[in-house]
Structure formats: C-alpha cells, structure tokens
Amino acid sequence: MQVKHAQYNDRKANEQAVIIKHKFIHQSAYQKTHQYNETALFFLKNAIKHYNKRSDEHGQAVEPGSKIVMSVIINIK
C-alpha cells in the first residue's frame, strides 16, 4: 500500500498533508479495504474543503483550487 501526496504551496498545508497521510495509514491498519477507502476519501474531502475556504495573508479569499495542489495515489496490494 502506498499513499503519496503532492506538495502544497505553504508549510502549514504541507504539515496537514503529512497528518492526513498518517491518518490514512493508521486507519487502514485496522480496517478492511472498503472501509479504508471510505476513510481516505473522508480525510481528503475535509482537507480540500478546509484549504479552499482559507484566506491568504492579505485577507483575500483564496479561489478554490488556486493554491492547492494535492493528489493522492492509493495502491492496495
């Protein structure tokens, strides 16, 4: 099993990506494959929602997807 994340454009978001990656791995250790996939999707959706709603340093709303580059590849063997 591999979980890979592309880099976010800022340090705080990168830290969150690492946390999400660890949650994927820890959750999967105790769950069946279909439950694991649902858990991974849940964390991914929440991360995208959270970072799409945030503002930049000048208080301007960030356009959805404009500052986030995130891809997750999950291979379960």
PDB file of N, CA and C in Angstrom:
ATOM      1  N   MET A   1       0.844  -1.200   0.000  1.00  0.00           N
ATOM      2  CA  MET A   1       0.000   0.000   0.000  1.00  0.00           C
ATOM      3  C   MET A   1       0.873   1.242   0.000  1.00  0.00           C
ATOM      4  N   GLN A   2       0.521   2.206  -0.842  1.00  0.00           N
ATOM      5  CA  GLN A   2       1.255   3.465  -0.892  1.00  0.00           C
ATOM      6  C   GLN A   2       0.269   4.621  -0.854  1.00  0.00           C
ATOM      7  N   VAL A   3       0.594   5.623  -0.060  1.00  0.00           N
ATOM      8  CA  VAL A   3      -0.183   6.861  -0.058  1.00  0.00           C
ATOM      9  C   VAL A   3       0.802   7.985  -0.339  1.00  0.00           C
ATOM     10  N   LYS A   4       0.582   8.696  -1.417  1.00  0.00           N
ATOM     11  CA  LYS A   4       1.513   9.759  -1.802  1.00  0.00           C
ATOM     12  C   LYS A   4       0.764  11.073  -1.910  1.00  0.00           C
ATOM     13  N   HIS A   5       1.407  12.136  -1.479  1.00  0.00           N
ATOM     14  CA  HIS A   5       0.820  13.467  -1.564  1.00  0.00           C
ATOM     15  C   HIS A   5       1.730  14.379  -2.366  1.00  0.00           C
ATOM     16  N   ALA A   6       1.147  15.167  -3.244  1.00  0.00           N
ATOM     17  CA  ALA A   6       1.906  16.234  -3.890  1.00  0.00           C
ATOM     18  C   ALA A   6       2.129  17.341  -2.856  1.00  0.00           C
ATOM     19  N   GLN A   7       3.038  18.238  -3.131  1.00  0.00           N
ATOM     20  CA  GLN A   7       3.351  19.313  -2.197  1.00  0.00           C
ATOM     21  C   GLN A   7       2.300  20.416  -2.258  1.00  0.00           C
ATOM     22  N   TYR A   8       1.897  20.899  -1.102  1.00  0.00           N
ATOM     23  CA  TYR A   8       1.090  22.115  -1.048  1.00  0.00           C
ATOM     24  C   TYR A   8       2.020  23.306  -1.242  1.00  0.00           C
ATOM     25  N   ASN A   9       1.452  24.490  -1.405  1.00  0.00           N
ATOM     26  CA  ASN A   9       2.271  25.671  -1.654  1.00  0.00           C
ATOM     27  C   ASN A   9       2.704  26.400  -0.389  1.00  0.00           C
ATOM     28  N   ASP A  10       2.351  25.909   0.778  1.00  0.00           N
ATOM     29  CA  ASP A  10       2.826  26.552   2.001  1.00  0.00           C
ATOM     30  C   ASP A  10       3.108  25.506   3.078  1.00  0.00           C
ATOM     31  N   ARG A  11       3.893  25.905   4.071  1.00  0.00           N
ATOM     32  CA  ARG A  11       4.383  24.975   5.084  1.00  0.00           C
ATOM     33  C   ARG A  11       3.256  24.376   5.916  1.00  0.00           C
ATOM     34  N   LYS A  12       2.305  25.221   6.344  1.00  0.00           N
ATOM     35  CA  LYS A  12       1.221  24.743   7.193  1.00  0.00           C
ATOM     36  C   LYS A  12       0.390  23.679   6.473  1.00  0.00           C
ATOM     37  N   ALA A  13       0.109  23.913   5.213  1.00  0.00           N
ATOM     38  CA  ALA A  13      -0.651  22.951   4.428  1.00  0.00           C
ATOM     39  C   ALA A  13       0.136  21.660   4.230  1.00  0.00           C
ATOM     40  N   ASN A  14       1.446  21.772   4.068  1.00  0.00           N
ATOM     41  CA  ASN A  14       2.278  20.575   3.940  1.00  0.00           C
ATOM     42  C   ASN A  14       2.240  19.743   5.214  1.00  0.00           C
ATOM     43  N   GLU A  15       2.254  20.425   6.359  1.00  0.00           N
ATOM     44  CA  GLU A  15       2.162  19.714   7.640  1.00  0.00           C
ATOM     45  C   GLU A  15       0.834  18.961   7.725  1.00  0.00           C
ATOM     46  N   GLN A  16      -0.239  19.597   7.279  1.00  0.00           N
ATOM     47  CA  GLN A  16      -1.546  18.952   7.292  1.00  0.00           C
ATOM     48  C   GLN A  16      -1.561  17.723   6.377  1.00  0.00           C
ATOM     49  N   ALA A  17      -0.906  17.833   5.242  1.00  0.00           N
ATOM     50  CA  ALA A  17      -0.846  16.703   4.309  1.00  0.00           C
ATOM     51  C   ALA A  17      -0.159  15.503   4.957  1.00  0.00           C
ATOM     52  N   VAL A  18       0.889  15.761   5.741  1.00  0.00           N
ATOM     53  CA  VAL A  18       1.595  14.683   6.438  1.00  0.00           C
ATOM     54  C   VAL A  18       0.674  14.037   7.472  1.00  0.00           C
ATOM     55  N   ILE A  19      -0.078  14.873   8.206  1.00  0.00           N
ATOM     56  CA  ILE A  19      -1.021  14.352   9.204  1.00  0.00           C
ATOM     57  C   ILE A  19      -2.064  13.470   8.533  1.00  0.00           C
ATOM     58  N   ILE A  20      -2.602  13.955   7.412  1.00  0.00           N
ATOM     59  CA  ILE A  20      -3.615  13.191   6.688  1.00  0.00           C
ATOM     60  C   ILE A  20      -3.031  11.862   6.205  1.00  0.00           C
ATOM     61  N   LYS A  21      -1.815  11.903   5.701  1.00  0.00           N
ATOM     62  CA  LYS A  21      -1.159  10.677   5.227  1.00  0.00           C
ATOM     63  C   LYS A  21      -1.043   9.664   6.361  1.00  0.00           C
ATOM     64  N   HIS A  22      -0.644  10.135   7.543  1.00  0.00           N
ATOM     65  CA  HIS A  22      -0.510   9.243   8.683  1.00  0.00           C
ATOM     66  C   HIS A  22      -1.852   8.677   9.112  1.00  0.00           C
ATOM     67  N   LYS A  23      -2.904   9.509   9.052  1.00  0.00           N
ATOM     68  CA  LYS A  23      -4.238   9.019   9.397  1.00  0.00           C
ATOM     69  C   LYS A  23      -4.666   7.919   8.437  1.00  0.00           C
ATOM     70  N   PHE A  24      -4.369   8.079   7.146  1.00  0.00           N
ATOM     71  CA  PHE A  24      -4.689   7.046   6.168  1.00  0.00           C
ATOM     72  C   PHE A  24      -4.051   5.720   6.584  1.00  0.00           C
ATOM     73  N   ILE A  25      -2.772   5.804   6.887  1.00  0.00           N
ATOM     74  CA  ILE A  25      -2.001   4.595   7.182  1.00  0.00           C
ATOM     75  C   ILE A  25      -2.486   3.947   8.477  1.00  0.00           C
ATOM     76  N   HIS A  26      -2.701   4.763   9.535  1.00  0.00           N
ATOM     77  CA  HIS A  26      -3.129   4.212  10.813  1.00  0.00           C
ATOM     78  C   HIS A  26      -4.529   3.634  10.742  1.00  0.00           C
ATOM     79  N   GLN A  27      -5.417   4.327  10.043  1.00  0.00           N
ATOM     80  CA  GLN A  27      -6.781   3.828   9.907  1.00  0.00           C
ATOM     81  C   GLN A  27      -6.788   2.492   9.166  1.00  0.00           C
ATOM     82  N   SER A  28      -5.979   2.395   8.122  1.00  0.00           N
ATOM     83  CA  SER A  28      -6.023   1.214   7.262  1.00  0.00           C
ATOM     84  C   SER A  28      -5.515  -0.032   7.977  1.00  0.00           C
ATOM     85  N   ALA A  29      -4.698   0.156   8.986  1.00  0.00           N
ATOM     86  CA  ALA A  29      -4.129  -0.994   9.689  1.00  0.00           C
ATOM     87  C   ALA A  29      -5.194  -1.822  10.394  1.00  0.00           C
ATOM     88  N   TYR A  30      -6.340  -1.204  10.699  1.00  0.00           N
ATOM     89  CA  TYR A  30      -7.370  -1.893  11.468  1.00  0.00           C
ATOM     90  C   TYR A  30      -8.682  -2.055  10.707  1.00  0.00           C
ATOM     91  N   GLN A  31      -8.678  -1.704   9.443  1.00  0.00           N
ATOM     92  CA  GLN A  31      -9.931  -1.742   8.689  1.00  0.00           C
ATOM     93  C   GLN A  31      -9.801  -2.559   7.422  1.00  0.00           C
ATOM     94  N   LYS A  32     -10.944  -3.040   6.955  1.00  0.00           N
ATOM     95  CA  LYS A  32     -10.966  -3.754   5.678  1.00  0.00           C
ATOM     96  C   LYS A  32     -10.788  -2.752   4.541  1.00  0.00           C
ATOM     97  N   THR A  33     -10.535  -3.269   3.362  1.00  0.00           N
ATOM     98  CA  THR A  33     -10.213  -2.416   2.215  1.00  0.00           C
ATOM     99  C   THR A  33     -11.295  -1.390   1.923  1.00  0.00           C
ATOM    100  N   HIS A  34     -12.553  -1.773   1.873  1.00  0.00           N
ATOM    101  CA  HIS A  34     -13.604  -0.818   1.505  1.00  0.00           C
ATOM    102  C   HIS A  34     -13.776   0.244   2.590  1.00  0.00           C
ATOM    103  N   GLN A  35     -13.596  -0.120   3.856  1.00  0.00           N
ATOM    104  CA  GLN A  35     -13.677   0.858   4.944  1.00  0.00           C
ATOM    105  C   GLN A  35     -12.488   1.819   4.856  1.00  0.00           C
ATOM    106  N   TYR A  36     -11.340   1.301   4.507  1.00  0.00           N
ATOM    107  CA  TYR A  36     -10.144   2.134   4.351  1.00  0.00           C
ATOM    108  C   TYR A  36     -10.365   3.183   3.269  1.00  0.00           C
ATOM    109  N   ASN A  37     -10.933   2.760   2.150  1.00  0.00           N
ATOM    110  CA  ASN A  37     -11.160   3.693   1.044  1.00  0.00           C
ATOM    111  C   ASN A  37     -12.109   4.813   1.448  1.00  0.00           C
ATOM    112  N   GLU A  38     -13.163   4.485   2.219  1.00  0.00           N
ATOM    113  CA  GLU A  38     -14.105   5.490   2.692  1.00  0.00           C
ATOM    114  C   GLU A  38     -13.411   6.473   3.638  1.00  0.00           C
ATOM    115  N   THR A  39     -12.550   5.964   4.505  1.00  0.00           N
ATOM    116  CA  THR A  39     -11.817   6.813   5.449  1.00  0.00           C
ATOM    117  C   THR A  39     -10.872   7.755   4.699  1.00  0.00           C
ATOM    118  N   ALA A  40     -10.162   7.233   3.725  1.00  0.00           N
ATOM    119  CA  ALA A  40      -9.233   8.048   2.936  1.00  0.00           C
ATOM    120  C   ALA A  40      -9.979   9.165   2.221  1.00  0.00           C
ATOM    121  N   LEU A  41     -11.121   8.835   1.646  1.00  0.00           N
ATOM    122  CA  LEU A  41     -11.912   9.829   0.934  1.00  0.00           C
ATOM    123  C   LEU A  41     -12.413  10.915   1.877  1.00  0.00           C
ATOM    124  N   PHE A  42     -12.824  10.517   3.083  1.00  0.00           N
ATOM    125  CA  PHE A  42     -13.304  11.463   4.089  1.00  0.00           C
ATOM    126  C   PHE A  42     -12.222  12.489   4.448  1.00  0.00           C
ATOM    127  N   PHE A  43     -11.013  12.026   4.742  1.00  0.00           N
ATOM    128  CA  PHE A  43      -9.923  12.932   5.104  1.00  0.00           C
ATOM    129  C   PHE A  43      -9.546  13.841   3.931  1.00  0.00           C
ATOM    130  N   LEU A  44      -9.540  13.281   2.731  1.00  0.00           N
ATOM    131  CA  LEU A  44      -9.181  14.058   1.547  1.00  0.00           C
ATOM    132  C   LEU A  44     -10.192  15.173   1.295  1.00  0.00           C
ATOM    133  N   LYS A  45     -11.480  14.842   1.365  1.00  0.00           N
ATOM    134  CA  LYS A  45     -12.523  15.853   1.151  1.00  0.00           C
ATOM    135  C   LYS A  45     -12.436  16.970   2.185  1.00  0.00           C
ATOM    136  N   ASN A  46     -12.228  16.614   3.446  1.00  0.00           N
ATOM    137  CA  ASN A  46     -12.133  17.621   4.507  1.00  0.00           C
ATOM    138  C   ASN A  46     -10.929  18.539   4.313  1.00  0.00           C
ATOM    139  N   ALA A  47      -9.808  17.971   3.901  1.00  0.00           N
ATOM    140  CA  ALA A  47      -8.601  18.779   3.686  1.00  0.00           C
ATOM    141  C   ALA A  47      -8.822  19.781   2.557  1.00  0.00           C
ATOM    142  N   ILE A  48      -9.410  19.334   1.476  1.00  0.00           N
ATOM    143  CA  ILE A  48      -9.646  20.232   0.347  1.00  0.00           C
ATOM    144  C   ILE A  48     -10.628  21.324   0.732  1.00  0.00           C
ATOM    145  N   LYS A  49     -11.706  20.949   1.450  1.00  0.00           N
ATOM    146  CA  LYS A  49     -12.703  21.933   1.901  1.00  0.00           C
ATOM    147  C   LYS A  49     -12.049  22.991   2.777  1.00  0.00           C
ATOM    148  N   HIS A  50     -11.250  22.538   3.745  1.00  0.00           N
ATOM    149  CA  HIS A  50     -10.614  23.447   4.700  1.00  0.00           C
ATOM    150  C   HIS A  50      -9.692  24.441   3.993  1.00  0.00           C
ATOM    151  N   TYR A  51      -8.822  23.968   3.114  1.00  0.00           N
ATOM    152  CA  TYR A  51      -7.846  24.849   2.495  1.00  0.00           C
ATOM    153  C   TYR A  51      -8.446  25.702   1.390  1.00  0.00           C
ATOM    154  N   ASN A  52      -9.543  25.251   0.792  1.00  0.00           N
ATOM    155  CA  ASN A  52     -10.202  26.096  -0.210  1.00  0.00           C
ATOM    156  C   ASN A  52     -10.910  27.275   0.438  1.00  0.00           C
ATOM    157  N   LYS A  53     -11.289  27.162   1.723  1.00  0.00           N
ATOM    158  CA  LYS A  53     -12.017  28.231   2.408  1.00  0.00           C
ATOM    159  C   LYS A  53     -11.095  29.256   3.052  1.00  0.00           C
ATOM    160  N   ARG A  54      -9.829  28.939   3.203  1.00  0.00           N
ATOM    161  CA  ARG A  54      -8.937  29.838   3.936  1.00  0.00           C
ATOM    162  C   ARG A  54      -8.617  31.094   3.156  1.00  0.00           C
ATOM    163  N   SER A  55      -8.126  32.090   3.864  1.00  0.00           N
ATOM    164  CA  SER A  55      -7.735  33.355   3.230  1.00  0.00           C
ATOM    165  C   SER A  55      -6.217  33.435   3.143  1.00  0.00           C
ATOM    166  N   ASP A  56      -5.734  34.218   2.212  1.00  0.00           N
ATOM    167  CA  ASP A  56      -4.294  34.421   2.128  1.00  0.00           C
ATOM    168  C   ASP A  56      -3.843  35.475   3.146  1.00  0.00           C
ATOM    169  N   GLU A  57      -2.562  35.818   3.147  1.00  0.00           N
ATOM    170  CA  GLU A  57      -2.009  36.722   4.164  1.00  0.00           C
ATOM    171  C   GLU A  57      -2.570  38.139   4.085  1.00  0.00           C
ATOM    172  N   HIS A  58      -3.197  38.508   2.972  1.00  0.00           N
ATOM    173  CA  HIS A  58      -3.764  39.844   2.830  1.00  0.00           C
ATOM    174  C   HIS A  58      -5.266  39.862   3.115  1.00  0.00           C
ATOM    175  N   GLY A  59      -5.808  38.716   3.544  1.00  0.00           N
ATOM    176  CA  GLY A  59      -7.225  38.659   3.860  1.00  0.00           C
ATOM    177  C   GLY A  59      -8.118  38.416   2.658  1.00  0.00           C
ATOM    178  N   GLN A  60      -7.489  38.197   1.515  1.00  0.00           N
ATOM    179  CA  GLN A  60      -8.271  37.906   0.312  1.00  0.00           C
ATOM    180  C   GLN A  60      -8.648  36.426   0.308  1.00  0.00           C
ATOM    181  N   ALA A  61      -9.879  36.157  -0.061  1.00  0.00           N
ATOM    182  CA  ALA A  61     -10.302  34.766  -0.129  1.00  0.00           C
ATOM    183  C   ALA A  61      -9.510  34.050  -1.221  1.00  0.00           C
ATOM    184  N   VAL A  62      -9.136  32.834  -0.936  1.00  0.00           N
ATOM    185  CA  VAL A  62      -8.392  32.045  -1.913  1.00  0.00           C
ATOM    186  C   VAL A  62      -9.410  31.369  -2.833  1.00  0.00           C
ATOM    187  N   GLU A  63      -9.219  31.542  -4.109  1.00  0.00           N
ATOM    188  CA  GLU A  63     -10.113  30.878  -5.067  1.00  0.00           C
ATOM    189  C   GLU A  63      -9.957  29.364  -4.914  1.00  0.00           C
ATOM    190  N   PRO A  64     -11.058  28.622  -4.962  1.00  0.00           N
ATOM    191  CA  PRO A  64     -10.968  27.162  -4.819  1.00  0.00           C
ATOM    192  C   PRO A  64      -9.961  26.561  -5.798  1.00  0.00           C
ATOM    193  N   GLY A  65      -9.020  25.834  -5.251  1.00  0.00           N
ATOM    194  CA  GLY A  65      -8.040  25.153  -6.082  1.00  0.00           C
ATOM    195  C   GLY A  65      -6.854  25.999  -6.493  1.00  0.00           C
ATOM    196  N   SER A  66      -6.875  27.307  -6.212  1.00  0.00           N
ATOM    197  CA  SER A  66      -5.827  28.170  -6.732  1.00  0.00           C
ATOM    198  C   SER A  66      -4.493  27.979  -6.025  1.00  0.00           C
ATOM    199  N   LYS A  67      -4.527  27.611  -4.743  1.00  0.00           N
ATOM    200  CA  LYS A  67      -3.276  27.457  -4.006  1.00  0.00           C
ATOM    201  C   LYS A  67      -3.054  26.019  -3.545  1.00  0.00           C
ATOM    202  N   ILE A  68      -3.910  25.132  -3.992  1.00  0.00           N
ATOM    203  CA  ILE A  68      -3.782  23.746  -3.537  1.00  0.00           C
ATOM    204  C   ILE A  68      -3.419  22.861  -4.723  1.00  0.00           C
ATOM    205  N   VAL A  69      -2.350  22.107  -4.547  1.00  0.00           N
ATOM    206  CA  VAL A  69      -2.042  21.058  -5.496  1.00  0.00           C
ATOM    207  C   VAL A  69      -1.935  19.800  -4.650  1.00  0.00           C
ATOM    208  N   MET A  70      -2.905  18.931  -4.796  1.00  0.00           N
ATOM    209  CA  MET A  70      -2.910  17.749  -3.930  1.00  0.00           C
ATOM    210  C   MET A  70      -3.377  16.557  -4.735  1.00  0.00           C
ATOM    211  N   SER A  71      -2.603  15.515  -4.724  1.00  0.00           N
ATOM    212  CA  SER A  71      -3.032  14.292  -5.376  1.00  0.00           C
ATOM    213  C   SER A  71      -2.718  13.138  -4.451  1.00  0.00           C
ATOM    214  N   VAL A  72      -3.598  12.183  -4.439  1.00  0.00           N
ATOM    215  CA  VAL A  72      -3.399  11.015  -3.592  1.00  0.00           C
ATOM    216  C   VAL A  72      -3.488   9.790  -4.475  1.00  0.00           C
ATOM    217  N   ILE A  73      -2.480   8.957  -4.384  1.00  0.00           N
ATOM    218  CA  ILE A  73      -2.483   7.700  -5.124  1.00  0.00           C
ATOM    219  C   ILE A  73      -2.502   6.583  -4.088  1.00  0.00           C
ATOM    220  N   ILE A  74      -3.533   5.776  -4.136  1.00  0.00           N
ATOM    221  CA  ILE A  74      -3.654   4.692  -3.169  1.00  0.00           C
ATOM    222  C   ILE A  74      -3.604   3.367  -3.925  1.00  0.00           C
ATOM    223  N   ASN A  75      -2.605   2.578  -3.628  1.00  0.00           N
ATOM    224  CA  ASN A  75      -2.482   1.243  -4.210  1.00  0.00           C
ATOM    225  C   ASN A  75      -2.521   0.233  -3.073  1.00  0.00           C
ATOM    226  N   ILE A  76      -3.539  -0.590  -3.063  1.00  0.00           N
ATOM    227  CA  ILE A  76      -3.641  -1.618  -2.021  1.00  0.00           C
ATOM    228  C   ILE A  76      -3.331  -2.962  -2.659  1.00  0.00           C
ATOM    229  N   LYS A  77      -2.293  -3.592  -2.124  1.00  0.00           N
ATOM    230  CA  LYS A  77      -1.868  -4.872  -2.692  1.00  0.00           C
ATOM    231  C   LYS A  77      -2.187  -6.002  -1.735  1.00  0.00           C
TER     232      LYS A  77
END
